[in-house]
Amino acid sequence: MKIAKRARQVFCRHNYVLFANIYGDLINDLNARTIYICKKCGKRKFEKDYKEAPVNYNKFLQDCATYKKTGDLNISSDTIRDTKQYKELFGPKTLEDVWDHRLNDKR
């Protein structure tokens, strides 16, 4: 990990949002069921409890491995489970949403 990115993660006031659910044997390997991700710095937080999330983490990792091998970014239809929830969390925002977000960070 680059030093600048690591420093950003250390000093970030994290804004975690629900990101993905883990399934199968990966639950035991990671000792978690749900992953949260910081929208500011990208740090991941693994939780044992299950909460419905928009992304299937197992499929996400498969897509990342395929991208690493081929160089072609292709997100499978199985990766994003709930497109509405995904767009709410990670989709493009209006200028008003961005402005409100900045005001909340300063408080």
N, C-alpha and C. Protein backbone atom coordinates (compact mmCIF):
# COMPACT_ATOMS: atom_id res chain seq x y z
N MET A 1 0.85 -1.16 0.00
CA MET A 1 0.00 0.00 0.00
C MET A 1 0.90 1.24 0.00
N LYS A 2 0.55 2.20 -0.80
CA LYS A 2 1.35 3.41 -0.87
C LYS A 2 1.26 4.18 0.45
N ILE A 3 2.34 4.87 0.77
CA ILE A 3 2.41 5.59 2.05
C ILE A 3 1.35 6.68 2.13
N ALA A 4 1.12 7.40 1.04
CA ALA A 4 0.13 8.48 1.06
C ALA A 4 -1.27 7.93 1.33
N LYS A 5 -1.61 6.81 0.71
CA LYS A 5 -2.93 6.22 0.93
C LYS A 5 -3.07 5.72 2.36
N ARG A 6 -2.02 5.11 2.87
CA ARG A 6 -2.04 4.61 4.25
C ARG A 6 -2.18 5.76 5.24
N ALA A 7 -1.46 6.85 5.01
CA ALA A 7 -1.55 8.02 5.88
C ALA A 7 -2.96 8.61 5.84
N ARG A 8 -3.56 8.64 4.65
CA ARG A 8 -4.92 9.15 4.52
C ARG A 8 -5.89 8.29 5.32
N GLN A 9 -5.69 6.96 5.30
CA GLN A 9 -6.57 6.07 6.05
C GLN A 9 -6.38 6.21 7.56
N VAL A 10 -5.15 6.45 8.00
CA VAL A 10 -4.89 6.58 9.42
C VAL A 10 -5.55 7.84 9.99
N PHE A 11 -5.46 8.95 9.25
CA PHE A 11 -5.97 10.21 9.76
C PHE A 11 -7.39 10.56 9.31
N CYS A 12 -8.02 9.66 8.60
CA CYS A 12 -9.38 9.89 8.10
C CYS A 12 -10.40 9.76 9.23
N ARG A 13 -11.40 10.63 9.20
CA ARG A 13 -12.57 10.45 10.07
C ARG A 13 -13.56 9.63 9.25
N HIS A 14 -13.53 8.35 9.46
CA HIS A 14 -14.21 7.42 8.57
C HIS A 14 -15.71 7.65 8.49
N ASN A 15 -16.22 7.52 7.29
CA ASN A 15 -17.64 7.58 7.00
C ASN A 15 -18.01 6.25 6.37
N TYR A 16 -18.21 5.22 7.21
CA TYR A 16 -18.46 3.87 6.72
C TYR A 16 -19.89 3.73 6.19
N VAL A 17 -20.01 3.06 5.05
CA VAL A 17 -21.31 2.71 4.49
C VAL A 17 -21.31 1.21 4.20
N LEU A 18 -22.49 0.65 4.20
CA LEU A 18 -22.65 -0.78 3.92
C LEU A 18 -22.17 -1.07 2.50
N PHE A 19 -21.30 -2.08 2.34
CA PHE A 19 -20.73 -2.36 1.02
C PHE A 19 -21.10 -3.75 0.51
N ALA A 20 -20.77 -4.81 1.25
CA ALA A 20 -20.92 -6.15 0.68
C ALA A 20 -21.21 -7.20 1.75
N ASN A 21 -21.77 -8.32 1.28
CA ASN A 21 -21.98 -9.50 2.11
C ASN A 21 -21.03 -10.60 1.66
N ILE A 22 -20.60 -11.40 2.60
CA ILE A 22 -19.69 -12.51 2.34
C ILE A 22 -20.47 -13.81 2.46
N TYR A 23 -20.18 -14.76 1.58
CA TYR A 23 -20.88 -16.04 1.57
C TYR A 23 -19.89 -17.20 1.55
N GLY A 24 -20.37 -18.38 1.94
CA GLY A 24 -19.60 -19.62 1.82
C GLY A 24 -18.40 -19.71 2.76
N ASP A 25 -17.36 -20.40 2.30
CA ASP A 25 -16.16 -20.63 3.11
C ASP A 25 -15.41 -19.35 3.44
N LEU A 26 -15.62 -18.33 2.65
CA LEU A 26 -14.95 -17.05 2.88
C LEU A 26 -15.38 -16.43 4.22
N ILE A 27 -16.57 -16.79 4.70
CA ILE A 27 -17.03 -16.31 6.01
C ILE A 27 -16.06 -16.75 7.10
N ASN A 28 -15.66 -18.02 7.06
CA ASN A 28 -14.73 -18.54 8.06
C ASN A 28 -13.33 -17.97 7.88
N ASP A 29 -12.91 -17.78 6.64
CA ASP A 29 -11.57 -17.25 6.37
C ASP A 29 -11.43 -15.82 6.87
N LEU A 30 -12.44 -15.00 6.66
CA LEU A 30 -12.38 -13.60 7.06
C LEU A 30 -13.02 -13.33 8.42
N ASN A 31 -13.71 -14.33 8.96
CA ASN A 31 -14.41 -14.22 10.25
C ASN A 31 -15.37 -13.02 10.23
N ALA A 32 -16.11 -12.90 9.14
CA ALA A 32 -17.04 -11.79 8.99
C ALA A 32 -18.15 -12.18 8.02
N ARG A 33 -19.27 -11.43 8.09
CA ARG A 33 -20.39 -11.63 7.18
C ARG A 33 -20.69 -10.40 6.34
N THR A 34 -20.37 -9.21 6.91
CA THR A 34 -20.70 -7.95 6.25
C THR A 34 -19.47 -7.06 6.20
N ILE A 35 -19.33 -6.32 5.10
CA ILE A 35 -18.21 -5.40 4.94
C ILE A 35 -18.74 -3.99 4.77
N TYR A 36 -18.15 -3.08 5.51
CA TYR A 36 -18.42 -1.66 5.37
C TYR A 36 -17.20 -1.02 4.73
N ILE A 37 -17.39 0.06 3.98
CA ILE A 37 -16.28 0.73 3.34
C ILE A 37 -16.40 2.24 3.60
N CYS A 38 -15.27 2.86 3.86
CA CYS A 38 -15.24 4.31 4.07
C CYS A 38 -15.31 5.00 2.71
N LYS A 39 -16.26 5.90 2.55
CA LYS A 39 -16.43 6.59 1.27
C LYS A 39 -15.32 7.60 1.02
N LYS A 40 -14.61 8.00 2.07
CA LYS A 40 -13.55 9.00 1.90
C LYS A 40 -12.22 8.37 1.53
N CYS A 41 -11.81 7.32 2.25
CA CYS A 41 -10.46 6.78 2.04
C CYS A 41 -10.43 5.34 1.52
N GLY A 42 -11.58 4.65 1.53
CA GLY A 42 -11.64 3.30 0.99
C GLY A 42 -11.30 2.19 1.97
N LYS A 43 -11.09 2.52 3.24
CA LYS A 43 -10.76 1.49 4.23
C LYS A 43 -11.97 0.58 4.43
N ARG A 44 -11.69 -0.69 4.57
CA ARG A 44 -12.76 -1.68 4.76
C ARG A 44 -12.82 -2.09 6.22
N LYS A 45 -14.05 -2.31 6.68
CA LYS A 45 -14.30 -2.74 8.05
C LYS A 45 -15.14 -4.01 7.98
N PHE A 46 -14.66 -5.09 8.58
CA PHE A 46 -15.33 -6.38 8.52
C PHE A 46 -16.10 -6.61 9.82
N GLU A 47 -17.38 -6.96 9.68
CA GLU A 47 -18.26 -7.19 10.84
C GLU A 47 -18.80 -8.61 10.81
N LYS A 48 -19.01 -9.18 11.99
CA LYS A 48 -19.53 -10.55 12.09
C LYS A 48 -21.02 -10.63 11.83
N ASP A 49 -21.76 -9.56 12.13
CA ASP A 49 -23.21 -9.61 11.94
C ASP A 49 -23.57 -9.46 10.46
N TYR A 50 -24.74 -9.99 10.11
CA TYR A 50 -25.19 -9.95 8.72
C TYR A 50 -26.20 -8.82 8.54
N LYS A 51 -25.93 -7.94 7.60
CA LYS A 51 -26.87 -6.90 7.19
C LYS A 51 -26.91 -6.92 5.67
N GLU A 52 -28.09 -6.83 5.13
CA GLU A 52 -28.26 -6.91 3.67
C GLU A 52 -27.51 -5.78 2.98
N ALA A 53 -26.59 -6.14 2.10
CA ALA A 53 -25.75 -5.17 1.39
C ALA A 53 -25.93 -5.32 -0.11
N PRO A 54 -25.57 -4.29 -0.89
CA PRO A 54 -25.83 -4.32 -2.32
C PRO A 54 -24.85 -5.17 -3.14
N VAL A 55 -23.70 -5.57 -2.57
CA VAL A 55 -22.68 -6.26 -3.35
C VAL A 55 -22.42 -7.65 -2.77
N ASN A 56 -22.21 -8.63 -3.64
CA ASN A 56 -21.78 -9.97 -3.25
C ASN A 56 -20.25 -9.98 -3.29
N TYR A 57 -19.61 -10.06 -2.12
CA TYR A 57 -18.16 -9.93 -2.03
C TYR A 57 -17.42 -11.05 -2.74
N ASN A 58 -17.95 -12.27 -2.69
CA ASN A 58 -17.32 -13.40 -3.36
C ASN A 58 -17.22 -13.15 -4.87
N LYS A 59 -18.32 -12.69 -5.46
CA LYS A 59 -18.33 -12.39 -6.89
C LYS A 59 -17.45 -11.17 -7.20
N PHE A 60 -17.42 -10.21 -6.29
CA PHE A 60 -16.57 -9.03 -6.44
C PHE A 60 -15.10 -9.44 -6.53
N LEU A 61 -14.67 -10.36 -5.67
CA LEU A 61 -13.29 -10.84 -5.70
C LEU A 61 -13.00 -11.60 -6.99
N GLN A 62 -13.97 -12.37 -7.49
CA GLN A 62 -13.80 -13.07 -8.77
C GLN A 62 -13.64 -12.06 -9.91
N ASP A 63 -14.43 -11.00 -9.90
CA ASP A 63 -14.31 -9.97 -10.92
C ASP A 63 -12.95 -9.28 -10.86
N CYS A 64 -12.45 -9.05 -9.64
CA CYS A 64 -11.12 -8.43 -9.48
C CYS A 64 -10.02 -9.35 -10.01
N ALA A 65 -10.14 -10.65 -9.75
CA ALA A 65 -9.15 -11.60 -10.24
C ALA A 65 -9.17 -11.67 -11.77
N THR A 66 -10.35 -11.65 -12.35
CA THR A 66 -10.47 -11.66 -13.81
C THR A 66 -9.86 -10.40 -14.41
N TYR A 67 -10.10 -9.26 -13.77
CA TYR A 67 -9.54 -8.00 -14.24
C TYR A 67 -8.01 -8.02 -14.18
N LYS A 68 -7.48 -8.62 -13.12
CA LYS A 68 -6.02 -8.70 -12.98
C LYS A 68 -5.40 -9.57 -14.07
N LYS A 69 -6.10 -10.64 -14.46
CA LYS A 69 -5.59 -11.54 -15.49
C LYS A 69 -5.73 -10.96 -16.89
N THR A 70 -6.90 -10.38 -17.19
CA THR A 70 -7.19 -9.97 -18.55
C THR A 70 -7.00 -8.47 -18.81
N GLY A 71 -7.11 -7.66 -17.76
CA GLY A 71 -7.04 -6.22 -17.94
C GLY A 71 -8.36 -5.62 -18.41
N ASP A 72 -9.39 -6.44 -18.52
CA ASP A 72 -10.71 -6.01 -18.97
C ASP A 72 -11.64 -5.93 -17.77
N LEU A 73 -12.08 -4.72 -17.43
CA LEU A 73 -12.97 -4.54 -16.29
C LEU A 73 -14.39 -4.92 -16.69
N ASN A 74 -14.88 -6.00 -16.10
CA ASN A 74 -16.21 -6.49 -16.40
C ASN A 74 -16.86 -6.91 -15.08
N ILE A 75 -17.91 -6.22 -14.69
CA ILE A 75 -18.62 -6.54 -13.46
C ILE A 75 -19.78 -7.45 -13.84
N SER A 76 -19.79 -8.64 -13.26
CA SER A 76 -20.83 -9.60 -13.61
C SER A 76 -22.17 -9.17 -13.02
N SER A 77 -23.22 -9.71 -13.56
CA SER A 77 -24.57 -9.36 -13.09
C SER A 77 -24.82 -9.93 -11.70
N ASP A 78 -24.06 -10.95 -11.28
CA ASP A 78 -24.23 -11.53 -9.95
C ASP A 78 -23.55 -10.71 -8.86
N THR A 79 -22.65 -9.82 -9.22
CA THR A 79 -21.88 -9.07 -8.23
C THR A 79 -22.75 -8.05 -7.51
N ILE A 80 -23.47 -7.24 -8.25
CA ILE A 80 -24.34 -6.24 -7.62
C ILE A 80 -25.72 -6.86 -7.46
N ARG A 81 -26.08 -7.09 -6.21
CA ARG A 81 -27.33 -7.78 -5.92
C ARG A 81 -28.52 -6.84 -5.93
N ASP A 82 -28.34 -5.64 -5.38
CA ASP A 82 -29.43 -4.67 -5.29
C ASP A 82 -28.98 -3.37 -5.93
N THR A 83 -29.35 -3.16 -7.19
CA THR A 83 -28.87 -1.99 -7.93
C THR A 83 -29.39 -0.68 -7.34
N LYS A 84 -30.61 -0.69 -6.82
CA LYS A 84 -31.18 0.53 -6.24
C LYS A 84 -30.37 0.96 -5.01
N GLN A 85 -30.10 0.01 -4.13
CA GLN A 85 -29.33 0.30 -2.93
C GLN A 85 -27.90 0.72 -3.29
N TYR A 86 -27.32 0.07 -4.29
CA TYR A 86 -25.96 0.41 -4.73
C TYR A 86 -25.90 1.84 -5.27
N LYS A 87 -26.88 2.22 -6.08
CA LYS A 87 -26.90 3.58 -6.63
C LYS A 87 -27.10 4.62 -5.55
N GLU A 88 -27.91 4.31 -4.52
CA GLU A 88 -28.10 5.24 -3.41
C GLU A 88 -26.79 5.49 -2.68
N LEU A 89 -26.02 4.44 -2.47
CA LEU A 89 -24.78 4.57 -1.69
C LEU A 89 -23.62 5.10 -2.51
N PHE A 90 -23.46 4.61 -3.74
CA PHE A 90 -22.25 4.88 -4.51
C PHE A 90 -22.49 5.58 -5.84
N GLY A 91 -23.74 5.84 -6.18
CA GLY A 91 -24.04 6.46 -7.45
C GLY A 91 -23.71 7.94 -7.45
N PRO A 92 -23.82 8.56 -8.63
CA PRO A 92 -23.53 10.00 -8.72
C PRO A 92 -24.51 10.80 -7.86
N LYS A 93 -24.01 11.86 -7.29
CA LYS A 93 -24.82 12.70 -6.41
C LYS A 93 -25.05 14.05 -7.07
N THR A 94 -26.08 14.73 -6.60
CA THR A 94 -26.32 16.09 -7.07
C THR A 94 -25.38 17.04 -6.33
N LEU A 95 -25.27 18.24 -6.81
CA LEU A 95 -24.42 19.23 -6.17
C LEU A 95 -24.88 19.50 -4.74
N GLU A 96 -26.18 19.47 -4.50
CA GLU A 96 -26.71 19.69 -3.16
C GLU A 96 -26.27 18.59 -2.20
N ASP A 97 -26.26 17.34 -2.66
CA ASP A 97 -25.81 16.23 -1.82
C ASP A 97 -24.35 16.39 -1.44
N VAL A 98 -23.52 16.79 -2.40
CA VAL A 98 -22.10 16.97 -2.13
C VAL A 98 -21.91 18.11 -1.13
N TRP A 99 -22.65 19.20 -1.31
CA TRP A 99 -22.52 20.34 -0.41
C TRP A 99 -22.95 19.96 1.01
N ASP A 100 -24.07 19.23 1.15
CA ASP A 100 -24.53 18.79 2.47
C ASP A 100 -23.50 17.89 3.12
N HIS A 101 -22.86 17.02 2.34
CA HIS A 101 -21.85 16.11 2.85
C HIS A 101 -20.66 16.89 3.41
N ARG A 102 -20.23 17.92 2.71
CA ARG A 102 -19.10 18.74 3.17
C ARG A 102 -19.44 19.49 4.45
N LEU A 103 -20.68 19.99 4.55
CA LEU A 103 -21.09 20.70 5.75
C LEU A 103 -21.11 19.77 6.95
N ASN A 104 -21.57 18.54 6.75
CA ASN A 104 -21.62 17.56 7.86
C ASN A 104 -20.23 17.18 8.31
N ASP A 105 -19.26 17.13 7.40
CA ASP A 105 -17.88 16.78 7.76
C ASP A 105 -17.23 17.84 8.63
N LYS A 106 -17.61 19.10 8.41
CA LYS A 106 -16.99 20.20 9.16
C LYS A 106 -17.56 20.34 10.55
N ARG A 107 -18.72 19.76 10.80
CA ARG A 107 -19.35 19.88 12.12
C ARG A 107 -18.71 18.99 13.13
